[in-house]
Amino acid sequence: MPELPEVETTRRGIAPHLLGRRVETVRLRRPDLRWPIPETIRSSLPGQRIDAVSRRAKYLLIGTGAGSALLHLGMSGVLRVLDADVPAGPHDHVDLLLDSGRMLRFTDPRRFGCLLWQAPGTVHPLLGGLGPEPLSGAFDGDLLWQRSRSRRGAVKSFIMDQGVVVGVGNIYASEALFAAGIHPARAADRISRTRYVVLANQIKRILARAIERGGTTLRDFIAPDGVPGYFEQELTVYGRDGAPCRTCGTPISSRMIGQRNTFWCRSCQH
C-alpha cells in the first residue's frame, strides 16, 4: 500500500497540471470503489476551478469552491495526467476532464481506493480525529512522550496509530525505530522522553528523504502508460529478514506486531 511519501509524491506530480484548471466533465465508469461514489462528485464538480491540491495523511484533496474531492489510493490505486482522448482500460474507473485538454485518471485494479466528497467548511469523517502531520511543527518527541504515557502496547503500533501521528506506515515505522535504536516491541510507556525526541527526528528525516527521492521521477506522471515514481527505498531492515544488519552484521529478525510484519536488529535495537 502506498505510504505517505508515495502519496505526497503523487500530489506533487499532479498538482501543476490541475491547479487553476476547470473540471469540464466527470466520467465515472462504476458507481463505487471501496465505498459508493457520491452523486455530488458528478453533480457539483463539473464547471469548478481547481484551487488546491492538498494532502491530509494518505488522503488527497482536490479543492474547489463547491467542495473537495477526497481520494485515497488504497492498495493499488494510481493517478495519472493524460491526454483526454487516451482510451480507458479495464481498471480505469474515474476521469476528470480538464479545460486544458488533459484529464486526471484514477486507475485502481483492486478497488480498495476511494473517491468521496467533502463539503465546504466541513471535515470529512475519515479525516476527523487524525493526529498531526509528521513533517509539521506540531509533531515532535515531546508529543510522542506525552501521548505514550498510558500506552502499554508495542511502540511500533503506537507510532502507526493515526490518532497519534498520521502517515507512519509499516515500512517507515520499522525503518525509523531502527534508526533510533528502539526495539519495536518495547512498551510505548517505557520509553524515555529523550529517546522519543530521537525517534521523532528519525521519522521526520526518513519521511523527508523518501519524499525527496520520489520527487526525482515526477515526469512519469504525465506519460500515457506511466506510474508514479515510488521511492527507491534505501531500506535498512524492512523486508531483510535473515540478511546481515548494515551496521553490525547481525541477521535481521522479524515477527508479527499488531498484525503487521516487523523487522529489527537484535543487537542495535533495545
Protein backbone atom coordinates (compact mmCIF):
# COMPACT_ATOMS: atom_id res chain seq x y z
CA MET A 1 0.00 0.00 0.00
CA PRO A 2 1.38 3.44 -0.84
CA GLU A 3 2.62 5.22 2.26
CA LEU A 4 2.77 8.94 2.99
CA PRO A 5 5.89 9.67 0.87
CA GLU A 6 4.34 7.98 -2.16
CA VAL A 7 1.07 9.88 -1.70
CA GLU A 8 2.95 13.17 -1.32
CA THR A 9 4.96 12.34 -4.44
CA THR A 10 1.68 11.76 -6.26
CA ARG A 11 0.34 15.12 -5.03
CA ARG A 12 3.43 16.93 -6.24
CA GLY A 13 3.23 15.15 -9.58
CA ILE A 14 -0.39 16.01 -10.41
CA ALA A 15 -0.71 19.45 -8.79
CA PRO A 16 0.99 21.52 -11.54
CA HIS A 17 -1.39 20.04 -14.12
CA LEU A 18 -4.55 20.63 -12.06
CA LEU A 19 -4.17 23.96 -10.29
CA GLY A 20 -6.15 26.73 -11.94
CA ARG A 21 -7.81 24.33 -14.38
CA ARG A 22 -11.55 23.89 -14.69
CA VAL A 23 -13.19 20.47 -14.50
CA GLU A 24 -15.33 20.13 -17.62
CA THR A 25 -16.61 16.57 -17.25
CA VAL A 26 -16.54 13.76 -14.71
CA ARG A 27 -16.57 10.23 -16.08
CA LEU A 28 -17.47 7.51 -13.59
CA ARG A 29 -17.27 4.02 -15.05
CA ARG A 30 -18.59 2.33 -11.95
CA PRO A 31 -20.75 3.52 -9.03
CA ASP A 32 -18.30 2.55 -6.30
CA LEU A 33 -14.75 1.79 -5.31
CA ARG A 34 -14.24 0.80 -1.70
CA TRP A 35 -17.39 2.77 -0.93
CA PRO A 36 -20.12 4.21 -3.17
CA ILE A 37 -19.01 7.32 -5.06
CA PRO A 38 -21.32 10.18 -4.00
CA GLU A 39 -23.57 11.65 -6.67
CA THR A 40 -22.20 15.04 -5.58
CA ILE A 41 -18.97 14.22 -7.45
CA ARG A 42 -20.88 14.12 -10.73
CA SER A 43 -23.26 16.99 -9.98
CA SER A 44 -21.01 19.53 -8.22
CA LEU A 45 -17.51 19.09 -9.65
CA PRO A 46 -18.08 19.90 -13.35
CA GLY A 47 -17.60 23.60 -14.06
CA GLN A 48 -15.47 24.15 -10.97
CA ARG A 49 -11.96 25.58 -10.98
CA ILE A 50 -9.37 23.61 -9.02
CA ASP A 51 -7.96 25.94 -6.37
CA ALA A 52 -5.93 23.49 -4.30
CA VAL A 53 -4.38 20.02 -4.44
CA SER A 54 -3.53 19.07 -0.87
CA ARG A 55 -2.83 16.03 1.26
CA ARG A 56 -4.03 15.02 4.74
CA ALA A 57 -2.41 11.83 5.97
CA LYS A 58 -2.70 9.44 3.00
CA TYR A 59 -5.72 11.23 1.51
CA LEU A 60 -5.55 13.65 -1.41
CA LEU A 61 -7.99 16.54 -1.66
CA ILE A 62 -8.79 18.33 -4.90
CA GLY A 63 -10.28 21.59 -3.68
CA THR A 64 -12.81 23.79 -5.48
CA GLY A 65 -15.29 26.47 -4.45
CA ALA A 66 -18.04 23.84 -4.32
CA GLY A 67 -16.12 21.44 -2.10
CA SER A 68 -13.29 18.94 -2.33
CA ALA A 69 -12.96 15.56 -3.99
CA LEU A 70 -11.35 13.24 -1.43
CA LEU A 71 -9.17 10.47 -2.86
CA HIS A 72 -7.36 7.52 -1.32
CA LEU A 73 -5.18 5.28 -3.48
CA GLY A 74 -5.92 2.14 -1.48
CA MET A 75 -3.55 -0.74 -2.20
CA SER A 76 -3.22 -0.43 -5.97
CA GLY A 77 -4.51 2.99 -6.99
CA VAL A 78 -2.66 5.24 -9.43
CA LEU A 79 -3.39 8.81 -10.53
CA ARG A 80 -2.08 9.95 -13.93
CA VAL A 81 -2.43 13.09 -16.01
CA LEU A 82 -3.11 12.06 -19.62
CA ASP A 83 -4.42 13.48 -22.88
CA ALA A 84 -8.22 13.46 -22.75
CA ASP A 85 -8.55 11.05 -25.68
CA VAL A 86 -6.46 8.21 -24.22
CA PRO A 87 -8.70 5.11 -24.25
CA ALA A 88 -9.72 3.67 -20.90
CA GLY A 89 -8.50 0.29 -19.72
CA PRO A 90 -10.48 -2.22 -17.63
CA HIS A 91 -9.35 -0.73 -14.31
CA ASP A 92 -9.62 2.97 -15.24
CA HIS A 93 -12.62 3.87 -13.11
CA VAL A 94 -12.65 7.69 -12.95
CA ASP A 95 -11.64 10.52 -15.31
CA LEU A 96 -11.73 14.23 -14.53
CA LEU A 97 -11.58 16.02 -17.88
CA LEU A 98 -9.95 19.45 -17.68
CA ASP A 99 -10.20 22.58 -19.80
CA SER A 100 -6.55 22.04 -20.81
CA GLY A 101 -7.46 19.07 -22.98
CA ARG A 102 -5.98 16.70 -20.45
CA MET A 103 -7.53 14.57 -17.74
CA LEU A 104 -6.79 13.14 -14.33
CA ARG A 105 -7.36 9.38 -14.47
CA PHE A 106 -7.81 7.18 -11.39
CA THR A 107 -6.83 3.56 -12.00
CA ASP A 108 -7.44 1.02 -9.24
CA PRO A 109 -7.33 -2.70 -10.10
CA ARG A 110 -8.19 -3.91 -6.59
CA ARG A 111 -10.74 -1.15 -5.87
CA PHE A 112 -9.60 -0.55 -2.29
CA GLY A 113 -9.24 3.16 -3.01
CA CYS A 114 -11.99 5.72 -2.64
CA LEU A 115 -13.46 8.85 -4.20
CA LEU A 116 -15.60 10.81 -1.76
CA TRP A 117 -16.76 14.41 -1.20
CA GLN A 118 -16.04 17.00 1.46
CA ALA A 119 -18.44 19.94 1.55
CA PRO A 120 -17.09 23.47 2.09
CA GLY A 121 -16.41 24.33 5.72
CA THR A 122 -16.61 20.71 6.87
CA VAL A 123 -14.15 17.96 7.70
CA HIS A 124 -14.95 14.55 6.27
CA PRO A 125 -15.40 11.87 8.99
CA LEU A 126 -12.40 9.97 7.60
CA LEU A 127 -10.22 12.97 8.41
CA GLY A 128 -11.66 13.68 11.85
CA GLY A 129 -9.57 12.66 14.84
CA LEU A 130 -6.32 12.37 12.93
CA GLY A 131 -3.05 13.24 14.62
CA PRO A 132 -0.60 15.87 13.36
CA GLU A 133 1.36 15.61 10.13
CA PRO A 134 4.78 14.08 10.89
CA LEU A 135 6.70 16.76 8.97
CA SER A 136 4.88 19.64 10.66
CA GLY A 137 5.97 21.66 13.66
CA ALA A 138 3.08 20.13 15.63
CA PHE A 139 4.88 16.78 15.74
CA ASP A 140 7.93 16.19 17.92
CA GLY A 141 9.36 13.93 20.58
CA ASP A 142 7.56 15.71 23.40
CA LEU A 143 4.21 14.96 21.77
CA LEU A 144 5.12 11.28 21.40
CA TRP A 145 6.24 11.10 25.02
CA GLN A 146 3.08 12.78 26.32
CA ARG A 147 0.73 10.58 24.30
CA SER A 148 2.58 7.39 25.20
CA ARG A 149 2.24 7.63 28.98
CA SER A 150 -0.79 5.34 29.21
CA ARG A 151 0.09 3.16 26.23
CA ARG A 152 1.37 -0.26 27.25
CA GLY A 153 1.33 -1.76 23.76
CA ALA A 154 4.29 -2.02 21.40
CA VAL A 155 5.90 1.27 20.37
CA LYS A 156 5.67 0.28 16.70
CA SER A 157 1.89 0.01 16.92
CA PHE A 158 1.84 3.29 18.87
CA ILE A 159 3.63 5.33 16.18
CA MET A 160 1.44 3.73 13.50
CA ASP A 161 -1.72 4.91 15.29
CA GLN A 162 -3.19 7.61 13.03
CA GLY A 163 -4.62 9.35 16.08
CA VAL A 164 -1.10 9.86 17.41
CA VAL A 165 0.62 10.93 14.20
CA VAL A 166 -0.52 10.36 10.62
CA GLY A 167 1.27 8.63 7.81
CA VAL A 168 3.86 6.49 9.62
CA GLY A 169 3.11 3.24 7.85
CA ASN A 170 4.61 -0.19 8.30
CA ILE A 171 7.76 0.30 6.24
CA TYR A 172 8.74 3.65 7.71
CA ALA A 173 7.89 2.65 11.28
CA SER A 174 10.37 -0.22 11.10
CA GLU A 175 13.00 2.00 9.49
CA ALA A 176 12.59 4.85 12.00
CA LEU A 177 12.76 2.53 15.00
CA PHE A 178 15.97 1.01 13.68
CA ALA A 179 17.48 4.45 13.12
CA ALA A 180 16.52 5.42 16.69
CA GLY A 181 17.85 2.15 18.18
CA ILE A 182 14.47 1.24 19.72
CA HIS A 183 13.14 -2.32 19.75
CA PRO A 184 9.72 -2.29 18.01
CA ALA A 185 8.08 -4.47 20.69
CA ARG A 186 9.05 -2.25 23.63
CA ALA A 187 6.09 -0.88 25.57
CA ALA A 188 5.38 2.67 24.45
CA ASP A 189 5.10 3.95 28.02
CA ARG A 190 8.54 2.52 28.94
CA ILE A 191 10.46 4.77 26.55
CA SER A 192 12.05 7.97 27.81
CA ARG A 193 11.37 11.48 26.56
CA THR A 194 14.96 11.68 25.29
CA ARG A 195 14.55 8.57 23.15
CA TYR A 196 11.23 9.83 21.80
CA VAL A 197 12.97 13.02 20.68
CA VAL A 198 15.43 10.89 18.72
CA LEU A 199 12.60 8.77 17.28
CA ALA A 200 10.56 11.79 16.17
CA ASN A 201 13.62 13.27 14.47
CA GLN A 202 14.29 9.99 12.66
CA ILE A 203 10.66 9.76 11.50
CA LYS A 204 10.97 13.27 10.04
CA ARG A 205 14.33 12.53 8.42
CA ILE A 206 13.30 9.24 6.83
CA LEU A 207 9.96 10.51 5.50
CA ALA A 208 11.58 13.66 4.10
CA ARG A 209 14.25 11.57 2.40
CA ALA A 210 11.64 9.26 0.90
CA ILE A 211 9.69 12.23 -0.47
CA GLU A 212 12.89 13.72 -1.87
CA ARG A 213 13.72 10.51 -3.70
CA GLY A 214 10.19 10.14 -5.04
CA GLY A 215 10.30 13.69 -6.31
CA THR A 216 13.02 12.88 -8.82
CA THR A 217 10.60 10.94 -11.06
CA LEU A 218 7.71 13.40 -11.39
CA ARG A 219 7.88 13.26 -15.20
CA ASP A 220 6.42 9.73 -15.02
CA PHE A 221 3.05 11.15 -14.01
CA ILE A 222 2.33 12.51 -17.48
CA ALA A 223 3.39 9.50 -19.55
CA PRO A 224 0.39 7.67 -21.08
CA ASP A 225 1.49 4.38 -19.54
CA GLY A 226 3.38 5.92 -16.63
CA VAL A 227 3.06 5.02 -12.98
CA PRO A 228 4.22 7.11 -10.02
CA GLY A 229 7.93 7.02 -9.38
CA TYR A 230 7.69 5.44 -5.94
CA PHE A 231 10.56 5.93 -3.53
CA GLU A 232 13.50 3.72 -4.45
CA GLN A 233 13.68 2.54 -0.89
CA GLU A 234 17.02 2.57 0.84
CA LEU A 235 15.85 0.03 3.37
CA THR A 236 17.97 -0.91 6.36
CA VAL A 237 15.72 -3.54 8.00
CA TYR A 238 12.31 -3.77 6.32
CA GLY A 239 11.98 -6.90 4.18
CA ARG A 240 15.53 -8.03 5.05
CA ASP A 241 14.74 -10.96 7.39
CA GLY A 242 17.91 -13.05 7.80
CA ALA A 243 20.13 -10.60 5.94
CA PRO A 244 23.05 -9.05 7.83
CA CYS A 245 22.42 -5.76 9.60
CA ARG A 246 24.10 -2.97 7.64
CA THR A 247 25.51 -1.62 10.92
CA CYS A 248 26.68 -4.66 12.91
CA GLY A 249 26.22 -7.74 10.71
CA THR A 250 23.69 -9.46 12.99
CA PRO A 251 20.95 -11.24 10.97
CA ILE A 252 17.79 -9.13 10.80
CA SER A 253 14.87 -10.57 12.79
CA SER A 254 11.18 -10.45 12.00
CA ARG A 255 7.87 -11.15 13.73
CA MET A 256 4.28 -10.02 13.65
CA ILE A 257 3.49 -6.97 15.82
CA GLY A 258 -0.02 -5.57 15.66
CA GLN A 259 -0.76 -7.96 12.76
CA ARG A 260 1.99 -6.36 10.67
CA ASN A 261 5.30 -7.95 9.73
CA THR A 262 8.05 -6.14 11.62
CA PHE A 263 11.82 -6.17 11.13
CA TRP A 264 14.63 -5.21 13.51
CA CYS A 265 18.20 -5.90 14.59
CA ARG A 266 18.61 -7.73 17.89
CA SER A 267 21.97 -6.05 18.53
CA CYS A 268 21.24 -2.46 17.50
CA GLN A 269 17.72 -2.07 18.93
CA HIS A 270 16.79 -2.25 22.60
